[in-house]
Amino acid sequence: MSKKQVTFADIAEYTNFSKTTISRYFNHPDSLTLENQEKISQALDILGYKKNKLAKVLANGKSEFIGIIVPNLYLHYYSEMLTQFLSSYSDYHYKFLVFASEHGAEEEQQYIEELLSYQIEGLIVLSHTLPSEKLASYQIPVIAIEREAEYISSVNTDNYMGALQATSLLIRDKCDILIHINVNVNKSIPAYDRIRAFQATCEEYHIPYDICRFLIESIGIVLAIPVSVFISSIIMKLPSLKRSDKK
């Protein structure tokens, strides 16, 4: 037979305290004397009490759940971010419910509705699917990371300075042509500052450059000079290539 779950009534009966006092022990322990706290603590050990998180959620409305929406988990950036979030449990005791949203706005809205049904206390969004105005309408704290965030709070890196330093490094390496490979980044996205800094730095030093999606389209022809490629946050230097004419 399974062991009976210990209730507040059981603890109250064992300690001769009221259920209100037992509730205060769990929710406002400082309101009790140290002696009474110790009596209740000992009773919990003797009775084999196990915390009922669900009951606590129903009592105070705090689930200690945080929702996370990421575009995918196969890119190292997102998996590393998720690892860092999960590692914060020992310090803050929040639990995370994670969805990977890869198939459009309708799917992402379904995920958020599911998260809300678990009474999440906040939402962290790394995807770019839903506009911040829509995210703000859910009436819970929302934190965006490296995305458009006009109507919500956000955490961003200094994309401009990072791209400026990366581009300057390539220029110091005596590269003749710089190529920035990216997707069609909207100007409202923080990552657009990488393009701005790349372009401004190249123009300041009079370095030929291009911004494109695909390397082969950017080069046009294969050149016999050093070429450096700036792929979003990745820097790579290509060896000299020789022109090849097909016959």
Protein backbone atom coordinates (compact mmCIF):
# COMPACT_ATOMS: atom_id res chain seq x y z
CA MET A 1 0.00 0.00 0.00
CA SER A 2 1.20 3.51 -0.76
CA LYS A 3 2.06 5.68 2.18
CA LYS A 4 -0.56 8.26 3.12
CA GLN A 5 0.42 11.82 2.21
CA VAL A 6 1.01 13.97 5.27
CA THR A 7 -1.31 16.98 5.42
CA PHE A 8 -1.29 20.25 7.35
CA ALA A 9 -4.00 18.72 9.57
CA ASP A 10 -1.68 15.82 10.44
CA ILE A 11 1.14 18.19 11.32
CA ALA A 12 -1.16 20.38 13.39
CA GLU A 13 -2.48 17.37 15.32
CA TYR A 14 1.04 16.07 16.00
CA THR A 15 2.41 19.43 17.18
CA ASN A 16 -0.77 20.72 18.90
CA PHE A 17 -0.57 23.83 16.76
CA SER A 18 -3.39 25.16 14.60
CA LYS A 19 -3.42 24.63 10.83
CA THR A 20 -3.02 28.41 10.52
CA THR A 21 0.24 28.22 12.45
CA ILE A 22 1.45 25.38 10.23
CA SER A 23 0.58 27.44 7.15
CA ARG A 24 2.52 30.38 8.58
CA TYR A 25 5.54 28.11 9.01
CA PHE A 26 5.59 27.38 5.28
CA ASN A 27 4.66 30.83 4.00
CA HIS A 28 5.93 33.24 6.66
CA PRO A 29 8.30 31.33 8.96
CA ASP A 30 9.73 34.52 10.46
CA SER A 31 6.34 35.18 12.06
CA LEU A 32 6.95 32.20 14.39
CA THR A 33 9.43 31.91 17.22
CA LEU A 34 12.57 29.89 16.56
CA GLU A 35 11.37 27.36 19.13
CA ASN A 36 8.09 26.78 17.32
CA GLN A 37 9.86 26.63 13.94
CA GLU A 38 12.11 23.90 15.33
CA LYS A 39 9.15 21.91 16.74
CA ILE A 40 7.40 21.95 13.37
CA SER A 41 10.60 21.11 11.50
CA GLN A 42 11.16 18.06 13.70
CA ALA A 43 7.55 16.97 13.20
CA LEU A 44 7.99 17.15 9.41
CA ASP A 45 10.97 14.82 9.61
CA ILE A 46 9.21 12.36 11.92
CA LEU A 47 6.02 12.29 9.86
CA GLY A 48 7.90 12.05 6.56
CA TYR A 49 6.32 15.16 5.11
CA LYS A 50 6.95 15.82 1.39
CA LYS A 51 6.38 19.26 -0.08
CA ASN A 52 3.35 19.59 -2.31
CA LYS A 53 4.34 22.16 -4.92
CA LEU A 54 0.91 22.08 -6.55
CA ALA A 55 -0.79 22.99 -3.28
CA LYS A 56 1.61 25.90 -2.89
CA VAL A 57 0.79 27.14 -6.38
CA LEU A 58 -2.93 26.99 -5.62
CA ALA A 59 -2.39 28.79 -2.33
CA ASN A 60 -0.24 31.71 -3.45
CA GLY A 61 -0.57 31.69 -7.24
CA LYS A 62 3.19 31.46 -7.77
CA SER A 63 4.20 28.53 -9.95
CA GLU A 64 7.95 29.24 -10.05
CA PHE A 65 7.76 28.34 -13.75
CA ILE A 66 9.41 30.43 -16.47
CA GLY A 67 8.57 29.81 -20.12
CA ILE A 68 11.24 29.91 -22.82
CA ILE A 69 10.67 30.09 -26.58
CA VAL A 70 13.69 29.40 -28.80
CA PRO A 71 13.74 29.12 -32.60
CA ASN A 72 15.58 25.77 -32.49
CA LEU A 73 18.03 23.72 -30.44
CA TYR A 74 20.46 22.66 -33.15
CA LEU A 75 22.30 25.99 -33.29
CA HIS A 76 24.94 26.18 -30.58
CA TYR A 77 23.93 29.71 -29.57
CA TYR A 78 20.44 28.68 -28.50
CA SER A 79 21.49 25.45 -26.79
CA GLU A 80 24.19 27.34 -24.86
CA MET A 81 21.72 30.01 -23.79
CA LEU A 82 19.34 27.31 -22.60
CA THR A 83 22.15 25.64 -20.64
CA GLN A 84 22.87 28.91 -18.85
CA PHE A 85 19.21 29.43 -17.97
CA LEU A 86 18.92 25.93 -16.54
CA SER A 87 22.07 26.35 -14.48
CA SER A 88 20.43 29.24 -12.59
CA TYR A 89 18.07 26.88 -10.72
CA SER A 90 20.41 26.41 -7.74
CA ASP A 91 20.43 30.17 -7.15
CA TYR A 92 16.86 31.20 -7.93
CA HIS A 93 14.82 27.93 -7.88
CA TYR A 94 12.82 28.74 -10.99
CA LYS A 95 11.88 25.86 -13.26
CA PHE A 96 11.83 26.25 -17.04
CA LEU A 97 9.34 25.03 -19.62
CA VAL A 98 10.92 25.15 -23.07
CA PHE A 99 9.42 25.11 -26.56
CA ALA A 100 11.30 25.25 -29.87
CA SER A 101 9.23 27.26 -32.35
CA GLU A 102 10.19 26.48 -35.92
CA HIS A 103 6.90 26.50 -37.82
CA GLY A 104 5.43 29.95 -37.71
CA ALA A 105 3.34 32.30 -35.63
CA GLU A 106 0.32 30.03 -35.15
CA GLU A 107 2.46 27.31 -33.60
CA GLU A 108 4.25 29.77 -31.35
CA GLN A 109 0.98 31.23 -30.10
CA GLN A 110 -0.20 27.71 -29.24
CA TYR A 111 2.98 27.15 -27.27
CA ILE A 112 2.53 30.37 -25.33
CA GLU A 113 -1.10 29.49 -24.52
CA GLU A 114 0.14 26.15 -23.22
CA LEU A 115 2.75 27.89 -21.07
CA LEU A 116 0.15 30.28 -19.70
CA SER A 117 -1.99 27.32 -18.61
CA TYR A 118 0.88 26.39 -16.28
CA GLN A 119 0.70 29.86 -14.73
CA ILE A 120 4.21 30.81 -15.77
CA GLU A 121 5.55 33.85 -13.95
CA GLY A 122 7.45 35.16 -16.96
CA LEU A 123 8.45 34.43 -20.55
CA ILE A 124 11.88 34.58 -22.20
CA VAL A 125 11.72 34.85 -25.99
CA LEU A 126 14.65 34.27 -28.33
CA SER A 127 12.58 33.64 -31.46
CA HIS A 128 11.66 36.41 -33.90
CA THR A 129 8.26 35.05 -34.90
CA LEU A 130 5.76 37.19 -32.99
CA PRO A 131 6.05 40.99 -32.80
CA SER A 132 6.72 42.45 -29.38
CA GLU A 133 3.32 44.17 -29.39
CA LYS A 134 1.67 40.74 -29.50
CA LEU A 135 3.94 39.38 -26.76
CA ALA A 136 3.11 42.37 -24.55
CA SER A 137 -0.60 41.58 -24.86
CA TYR A 138 -0.21 38.41 -22.79
CA GLN A 139 0.01 40.53 -19.62
CA ILE A 140 2.97 38.70 -18.08
CA PRO A 141 6.61 39.81 -17.77
CA VAL A 142 8.35 39.14 -21.09
CA ILE A 143 12.08 39.41 -21.75
CA ALA A 144 13.37 39.41 -25.31
CA ILE A 145 16.94 38.44 -26.14
CA GLU A 146 18.53 39.86 -29.29
CA ARG A 147 15.27 40.59 -31.10
CA GLU A 148 12.78 43.37 -31.80
CA ALA A 149 11.44 44.57 -28.44
CA GLU A 150 9.66 47.89 -28.82
CA TYR A 151 6.85 46.93 -26.41
CA ILE A 152 8.72 44.61 -24.01
CA SER A 153 11.96 44.50 -22.05
CA SER A 154 15.07 43.15 -23.75
CA VAL A 155 18.64 42.01 -23.21
CA ASN A 156 21.05 42.68 -26.05
CA THR A 157 24.77 42.61 -26.67
CA ASP A 158 26.69 45.53 -28.15
CA ASN A 159 26.33 44.30 -31.71
CA TYR A 160 27.82 47.45 -33.20
CA MET A 161 31.03 47.33 -31.17
CA GLY A 162 31.42 43.60 -31.73
CA ALA A 163 31.15 43.96 -35.50
CA LEU A 164 33.43 46.99 -35.51
CA GLN A 165 36.15 45.06 -33.67
CA ALA A 166 35.74 42.00 -35.90
CA THR A 167 35.90 44.07 -39.09
CA SER A 168 38.91 46.01 -37.83
CA LEU A 169 40.69 42.72 -37.14
CA LEU A 170 40.15 41.58 -40.72
CA ILE A 171 41.43 44.92 -42.03
CA ARG A 172 44.55 44.68 -39.87
CA ASP A 173 45.16 41.26 -41.42
CA LYS A 174 45.54 43.04 -44.80
CA CYS A 175 42.48 41.50 -46.43
CA ASP A 176 41.58 43.12 -49.73
CA ILE A 177 37.86 42.36 -49.79
CA LEU A 178 35.46 41.90 -46.88
CA ILE A 179 32.16 40.07 -47.24
CA HIS A 180 29.37 40.06 -44.67
CA ILE A 181 27.02 37.09 -45.02
CA ASN A 182 23.68 37.39 -43.30
CA VAL A 183 19.94 36.98 -43.77
CA ASN A 184 17.58 39.84 -44.53
CA VAL A 185 17.80 41.43 -41.09
CA ASN A 186 15.12 43.98 -40.28
CA LYS A 187 16.48 47.29 -39.00
CA SER A 188 14.48 46.87 -35.80
CA ILE A 189 16.52 43.79 -34.89
CA PRO A 190 19.58 44.49 -32.68
CA ALA A 191 21.74 42.29 -34.95
CA TYR A 192 21.30 44.86 -37.73
CA ASP A 193 23.94 46.92 -35.93
CA ARG A 194 26.48 44.31 -37.06
CA ILE A 195 25.76 45.25 -40.67
CA ARG A 196 25.92 48.96 -39.88
CA ALA A 197 29.28 48.65 -38.13
CA PHE A 198 30.72 46.41 -40.84
CA GLN A 199 29.69 48.82 -43.58
CA ALA A 200 30.84 51.94 -41.71
CA THR A 201 34.25 50.46 -40.88
CA CYS A 202 34.88 49.29 -44.44
CA GLU A 203 33.97 52.72 -45.80
CA GLU A 204 36.14 54.48 -43.22
CA TYR A 205 39.20 52.49 -44.31
CA HIS A 206 38.21 52.43 -48.01
CA ILE A 207 38.06 48.63 -48.12
CA PRO A 208 35.97 46.97 -50.86
CA TYR A 209 33.11 45.06 -49.28
CA ASP A 210 29.84 43.33 -49.98
CA ILE A 211 26.85 42.24 -47.92
CA CYS A 212 25.04 39.17 -49.16
CA ARG A 213 23.43 35.85 -48.42
CA PHE A 214 25.69 33.51 -50.35
CA LEU A 215 29.44 33.67 -50.71
CA ILE A 216 29.50 32.62 -54.37
CA GLU A 217 27.08 35.39 -55.33
CA SER A 218 29.13 37.92 -53.43
CA ILE A 219 32.44 37.12 -55.06
CA GLY A 220 31.01 36.99 -58.56
CA ILE A 221 34.25 35.56 -59.93
CA VAL A 222 36.97 33.66 -58.12
CA LEU A 223 39.74 36.08 -57.20
CA ALA A 224 43.48 35.60 -56.71
CA ILE A 225 43.57 37.80 -53.61
CA PRO A 226 42.93 37.18 -49.91
CA VAL A 227 39.25 37.30 -49.07
CA SER A 228 37.74 37.53 -45.57
CA VAL A 229 34.19 36.62 -44.77
CA PHE A 230 32.13 38.03 -41.88
CA ILE A 231 29.28 35.57 -41.23
CA SER A 232 27.08 37.19 -38.60
CA SER A 233 29.12 36.55 -35.44
CA ILE A 234 31.62 34.23 -37.16
CA ILE A 235 34.83 35.44 -38.76
CA MET A 236 36.65 33.34 -41.32
CA LYS A 237 39.57 34.02 -43.60
CA LEU A 238 39.71 32.28 -46.96
CA PRO A 239 42.93 31.37 -48.73
CA SER A 240 43.81 33.02 -52.03
CA LEU A 241 41.83 31.58 -54.91
CA LYS A 242 42.63 31.54 -58.59
CA ARG A 243 40.26 32.52 -61.32
CA SER A 244 38.84 29.61 -63.27
CA ASP A 245 37.12 30.03 -66.65
CA LYS A 246 34.84 27.23 -67.79
CA LYS A 247 35.12 26.25 -71.43
